[in-house]
Amino acid sequence: MVPLLLVLLIVLVLFGAGFALEVLWYVAIAVLVLWLLGFLVRGSGSRWYRW
């Protein structure tokens, strides 16, 4: 019973990590698109952020 619970726990953790990593990819793509849009709209001379 305990090994079965451990295997299920490992599967749950791996599934959660895979889901989180996929969400992080979408967030990274969204940030890249926003950065590119801001760069194109304002031009290279004036930036819309203060990084």
N, C-alpha and C. Protein backbone atom coordinates (compact mmCIF):
# COMPACT_ATOMS: atom_id res chain seq x y z
N MET A 1 0.83 -1.20 0.00
CA MET A 1 0.00 0.00 0.00
C MET A 1 0.87 1.26 0.00
N VAL A 2 1.92 1.26 0.81
CA VAL A 2 2.79 2.43 0.88
C VAL A 2 3.53 2.65 -0.45
N PRO A 3 4.09 1.62 -1.09
CA PRO A 3 4.74 1.86 -2.39
C PRO A 3 3.78 2.42 -3.44
N LEU A 4 2.54 1.96 -3.42
CA LEU A 4 1.55 2.47 -4.37
C LEU A 4 1.31 3.96 -4.13
N LEU A 5 1.20 4.35 -2.86
CA LEU A 5 1.01 5.76 -2.55
C LEU A 5 2.22 6.59 -2.95
N LEU A 6 3.41 6.05 -2.76
CA LEU A 6 4.62 6.76 -3.16
C LEU A 6 4.68 6.96 -4.67
N VAL A 7 4.33 5.93 -5.42
CA VAL A 7 4.31 6.03 -6.88
C VAL A 7 3.27 7.05 -7.32
N LEU A 8 2.10 7.03 -6.72
CA LEU A 8 1.07 8.00 -7.07
C LEU A 8 1.50 9.42 -6.71
N LEU A 9 2.20 9.57 -5.60
CA LEU A 9 2.70 10.89 -5.22
C LEU A 9 3.75 11.39 -6.21
N ILE A 10 4.64 10.50 -6.64
CA ILE A 10 5.66 10.88 -7.62
C ILE A 10 5.01 11.27 -8.94
N VAL A 11 4.01 10.51 -9.36
CA VAL A 11 3.31 10.83 -10.61
C VAL A 11 2.62 12.19 -10.48
N LEU A 12 2.02 12.45 -9.35
CA LEU A 12 1.33 13.73 -9.13
C LEU A 12 2.32 14.88 -9.17
N VAL A 13 3.48 14.71 -8.54
CA VAL A 13 4.49 15.77 -8.54
C VAL A 13 5.01 16.01 -9.95
N LEU A 14 5.29 14.94 -10.69
CA LEU A 14 5.79 15.10 -12.06
C LEU A 14 4.75 15.75 -12.96
N PHE A 15 3.49 15.37 -12.79
CA PHE A 15 2.42 15.98 -13.58
C PHE A 15 2.30 17.47 -13.25
N GLY A 16 2.37 17.81 -11.97
CA GLY A 16 2.30 19.20 -11.55
C GLY A 16 3.46 20.01 -12.09
N ALA A 17 4.67 19.44 -12.06
CA ALA A 17 5.85 20.14 -12.57
C ALA A 17 5.72 20.34 -14.08
N GLY A 18 5.24 19.34 -14.79
CA GLY A 18 5.06 19.48 -16.23
C GLY A 18 4.05 20.55 -16.57
N PHE A 19 2.97 20.60 -15.82
CA PHE A 19 1.95 21.63 -16.04
C PHE A 19 2.51 23.01 -15.74
N ALA A 20 3.27 23.13 -14.64
CA ALA A 20 3.85 24.42 -14.27
C ALA A 20 4.86 24.87 -15.32
N LEU A 21 5.66 23.95 -15.83
CA LEU A 21 6.64 24.32 -16.85
C LEU A 21 5.96 24.76 -18.14
N GLU A 22 4.86 24.10 -18.49
CA GLU A 22 4.13 24.50 -19.69
C GLU A 22 3.53 25.89 -19.51
N VAL A 23 3.00 26.17 -18.33
CA VAL A 23 2.45 27.50 -18.06
C VAL A 23 3.55 28.55 -18.12
N LEU A 24 4.74 28.22 -17.60
CA LEU A 24 5.85 29.17 -17.64
C LEU A 24 6.29 29.47 -19.08
N TRP A 25 6.20 28.47 -19.97
CA TRP A 25 6.50 28.72 -21.37
C TRP A 25 5.53 29.73 -21.95
N TYR A 26 4.23 29.58 -21.63
CA TYR A 26 3.24 30.52 -22.14
C TYR A 26 3.47 31.92 -21.59
N VAL A 27 3.84 32.01 -20.32
CA VAL A 27 4.13 33.32 -19.72
C VAL A 27 5.34 33.96 -20.40
N ALA A 28 6.38 33.16 -20.65
CA ALA A 28 7.57 33.69 -21.30
C ALA A 28 7.26 34.18 -22.72
N ILE A 29 6.44 33.44 -23.44
CA ILE A 29 6.07 33.86 -24.79
C ILE A 29 5.24 35.15 -24.74
N ALA A 30 4.33 35.26 -23.78
CA ALA A 30 3.52 36.47 -23.65
C ALA A 30 4.40 37.68 -23.33
N VAL A 31 5.38 37.52 -22.45
CA VAL A 31 6.28 38.63 -22.11
C VAL A 31 7.11 39.03 -23.32
N LEU A 32 7.58 38.05 -24.08
CA LEU A 32 8.36 38.35 -25.27
C LEU A 32 7.52 39.13 -26.29
N VAL A 33 6.28 38.71 -26.50
CA VAL A 33 5.40 39.40 -27.44
C VAL A 33 5.14 40.83 -26.98
N LEU A 34 4.88 41.02 -25.68
CA LEU A 34 4.65 42.38 -25.17
C LEU A 34 5.89 43.25 -25.33
N TRP A 35 7.06 42.67 -25.08
CA TRP A 35 8.29 43.42 -25.22
C TRP A 35 8.50 43.84 -26.68
N LEU A 36 8.28 42.91 -27.60
CA LEU A 36 8.45 43.22 -29.02
C LEU A 36 7.45 44.28 -29.48
N LEU A 37 6.19 44.16 -29.03
CA LEU A 37 5.19 45.16 -29.40
C LEU A 37 5.57 46.53 -28.86
N GLY A 38 6.01 46.58 -27.62
CA GLY A 38 6.44 47.86 -27.05
C GLY A 38 7.63 48.43 -27.77
N PHE A 39 8.54 47.58 -28.18
CA PHE A 39 9.71 48.04 -28.91
C PHE A 39 9.32 48.58 -30.28
N LEU A 40 8.41 47.90 -30.96
CA LEU A 40 8.00 48.33 -32.29
C LEU A 40 7.13 49.57 -32.26
N VAL A 41 6.25 49.68 -31.26
CA VAL A 41 5.33 50.81 -31.20
C VAL A 41 6.08 52.10 -30.84
N ARG A 42 6.97 52.02 -29.88
CA ARG A 42 7.68 53.22 -29.43
C ARG A 42 8.94 53.51 -30.22
N GLY A 43 9.45 52.51 -30.91
CA GLY A 43 10.70 52.71 -31.64
C GLY A 43 11.89 52.43 -30.74
N SER A 44 13.05 52.45 -31.30
CA SER A 44 14.24 52.11 -30.53
C SER A 44 14.74 53.27 -29.68
N GLY A 45 14.29 54.50 -29.96
CA GLY A 45 14.78 55.66 -29.22
C GLY A 45 14.20 55.77 -27.82
N SER A 46 12.92 55.61 -27.69
CA SER A 46 12.28 55.74 -26.37
C SER A 46 11.64 54.42 -26.00
N ARG A 47 11.93 53.96 -24.84
CA ARG A 47 11.42 52.67 -24.38
C ARG A 47 10.19 52.90 -23.50
N TRP A 48 9.31 51.94 -23.46
CA TRP A 48 8.09 52.05 -22.65
C TRP A 48 8.27 51.43 -21.28
N TYR A 49 9.47 50.99 -20.98
CA TYR A 49 9.75 50.41 -19.66
C TYR A 49 11.05 51.01 -19.14
N ARG A 50 11.36 50.77 -17.88
CA ARG A 50 12.55 51.35 -17.27
C ARG A 50 13.51 50.28 -16.81
N TRP A 51 13.87 49.34 -17.68
CA TRP A 51 14.79 48.27 -17.29
C TRP A 51 16.20 48.70 -17.58
